[in-house]
Protein backbone atom coordinates (compact mmCIF):
# COMPACT_ATOMS: atom_id res chain seq x y z
CA UNK A 1 -37.66 28.14 -71.67
CA UNK A 2 -33.95 28.11 -72.47
CA UNK A 3 -31.92 31.30 -72.39
CA UNK A 4 -28.49 31.14 -74.02
CA UNK A 5 -25.71 33.66 -73.60
CA UNK A 6 -22.45 33.60 -75.57
CA UNK A 7 -19.21 35.39 -74.88
CA UNK A 8 -15.57 35.34 -75.92
CA UNK A 9 -15.71 36.73 -79.43
CA UNK A 10 -13.40 39.44 -80.65
CA UNK A 11 -10.97 40.54 -83.31
CA UNK A 12 -7.75 38.60 -83.84
CA UNK A 13 -5.02 38.20 -86.40
CA UNK A 14 -4.89 35.16 -88.65
CA UNK A 15 -3.41 32.22 -86.79
CA UNK A 16 -4.70 33.46 -83.47
CA UNK A 17 -7.02 31.78 -81.02
CA UNK A 18 -10.29 32.49 -79.30
CA UNK A 19 -12.34 30.60 -76.75
CA UNK A 20 -16.08 31.03 -76.93
CA UNK A 21 -18.37 30.14 -74.09
CA UNK A 22 -22.09 29.61 -73.76
CA UNK A 23 -24.35 29.12 -70.78
CA UNK A 24 -27.98 28.15 -70.56
CA UNK A 25 -29.60 30.14 -67.78
CA UNK A 26 -32.79 28.09 -67.67
CA UNK A 27 -33.65 24.66 -68.93
CA UNK A 28 -36.87 22.69 -68.76
CA UNK A 29 -35.94 19.70 -70.94
CA UNK A 30 -34.61 16.45 -69.52
CA UNK A 31 -31.57 16.50 -71.80
CA UNK A 32 -30.15 19.44 -73.72
CA UNK A 33 -27.94 19.09 -76.77
CA UNK A 34 -25.90 22.15 -77.62
CA UNK A 35 -23.77 23.36 -80.46
CA UNK A 36 -22.26 26.28 -82.32
CA UNK A 37 -23.49 27.76 -85.58
CA UNK A 38 -21.94 30.62 -87.50
CA UNK A 39 -23.15 33.04 -90.12
CA UNK A 40 -20.93 35.24 -92.25
CA UNK A 41 -22.28 38.45 -93.79
CA UNK A 42 -24.55 37.70 -96.73
CA UNK A 43 -24.36 33.95 -96.17
CA UNK A 44 -26.50 31.29 -94.58
CA UNK A 45 -25.97 29.67 -91.24
CA UNK A 46 -23.32 26.97 -91.05
CA UNK A 47 -22.94 24.32 -88.38
CA UNK A 48 -19.61 24.48 -86.57
CA UNK A 49 -19.69 21.88 -83.81
CA UNK A 50 -22.06 20.14 -81.44
CA UNK A 51 -22.07 17.93 -78.36
CA UNK A 52 -24.50 15.05 -77.96
CA UNK A 53 -25.98 13.99 -74.65
CA UNK A 54 -23.57 11.05 -74.52
CA UNK A 55 -20.61 13.41 -74.81
CA UNK A 56 -19.76 12.62 -78.40
CA UNK A 57 -18.96 15.54 -80.67
CA UNK A 58 -19.58 16.48 -84.28
CA UNK A 59 -17.70 19.04 -86.36
CA UNK A 60 -18.21 20.81 -89.62
CA UNK A 61 -15.79 19.77 -92.33
CA UNK A 62 -14.25 23.22 -92.54
CA UNK A 63 -12.74 23.22 -89.05
CA UNK A 64 -10.05 20.70 -90.11
CA UNK A 65 -8.99 19.90 -86.57
CA UNK A 66 -8.62 23.54 -85.56
CA UNK A 67 -11.69 23.78 -83.33
CA UNK A 68 -12.61 21.84 -80.22
CA UNK A 69 -16.06 21.85 -78.67
CA UNK A 70 -16.53 20.73 -75.09
CA UNK A 71 -19.03 20.76 -72.28
CA UNK A 72 -18.16 22.71 -69.19
CA UNK A 73 -18.12 21.27 -65.70
CA UNK A 74 -21.05 23.51 -64.85
CA UNK A 75 -24.45 22.29 -65.96
CA UNK A 76 -25.48 23.23 -69.49
CA UNK A 77 -22.32 25.09 -70.42
CA UNK A 78 -20.52 24.84 -73.73
CA UNK A 79 -17.16 26.00 -75.04
CA UNK A 80 -15.56 26.33 -78.43
CA UNK A 81 -11.78 26.53 -78.53
CA UNK A 82 -10.73 27.96 -81.88
CA UNK A 83 -7.09 27.76 -82.89
CA UNK A 84 -5.38 28.64 -86.12
CA UNK A 85 -8.12 31.08 -87.05
CA UNK A 86 -8.41 32.12 -90.68
CA UNK A 87 -10.03 35.17 -92.26
CA UNK A 88 -12.77 32.93 -93.64
CA UNK A 89 -13.73 32.10 -90.06
CA UNK A 90 -15.01 35.64 -89.68
CA UNK A 91 -18.68 35.37 -88.76
CA UNK A 92 -21.23 35.79 -86.06
CA UNK A 93 -21.06 32.71 -83.88
CA UNK A 94 -24.23 31.52 -82.20
CA UNK A 95 -24.72 29.11 -79.38
CA UNK A 96 -27.72 26.93 -80.08
CA UNK A 97 -29.57 24.20 -78.22
CA UNK A 98 -32.42 21.75 -78.48
CA UNK A 99 -33.97 18.90 -76.59
CA UNK A 100 -31.73 15.97 -77.45
CA UNK A 101 -34.58 13.76 -78.57
CA UNK A 102 -35.71 16.37 -81.04
CA UNK A 103 -32.17 17.22 -82.12
CA UNK A 104 -31.23 13.62 -82.82
CA UNK A 105 -34.30 13.19 -84.99
CA UNK A 106 -34.09 16.44 -86.91
CA UNK A 107 -30.65 17.98 -86.54
CA UNK A 108 -32.39 21.28 -85.78
CA UNK A 109 -32.03 23.66 -82.86
CA UNK A 110 -34.90 25.27 -80.99
CA UNK A 111 -33.03 27.87 -78.96
CA UNK A 112 -30.49 30.48 -79.95
CA UNK A 113 -28.20 32.89 -78.21
CA UNK A 114 -27.62 36.47 -79.26
CA UNK A 115 -24.39 35.67 -81.06
CA UNK A 116 -20.81 36.80 -80.55
CA UNK A 117 -18.78 38.33 -83.35
CA UNK A 118 -15.51 36.74 -84.43
CA UNK A 119 -13.36 38.77 -86.80
CA UNK A 120 -10.09 37.42 -88.18
CA UNK A 121 -7.81 39.73 -90.11
CA UNK A 122 -5.08 38.62 -92.48
């Protein structure tokens, strides 16, 4: 089983920055791919960024160079550096993970954290 815990959310003014972190407390797969997904009130989930097992990264079109996803030095940790935040970035941000073999085939995540709220005011 994989347990994911996010932290680092909060309320900031437009143009501000936040750094989200995620850690997997347990992991039974050989390789774990991790990413960030967000969901605004009344809207569906939207992929933000992900890291493949080879270290390559993928971003949603909306980040426009403002966000950076990275793996931590510790095993199975993930960060999301968010700069130049906009009100439309307001959402619950979830850390998500999946076995990399499954993720590469499907683009789906199997495991989800509890979410951390990001609120950006104008």
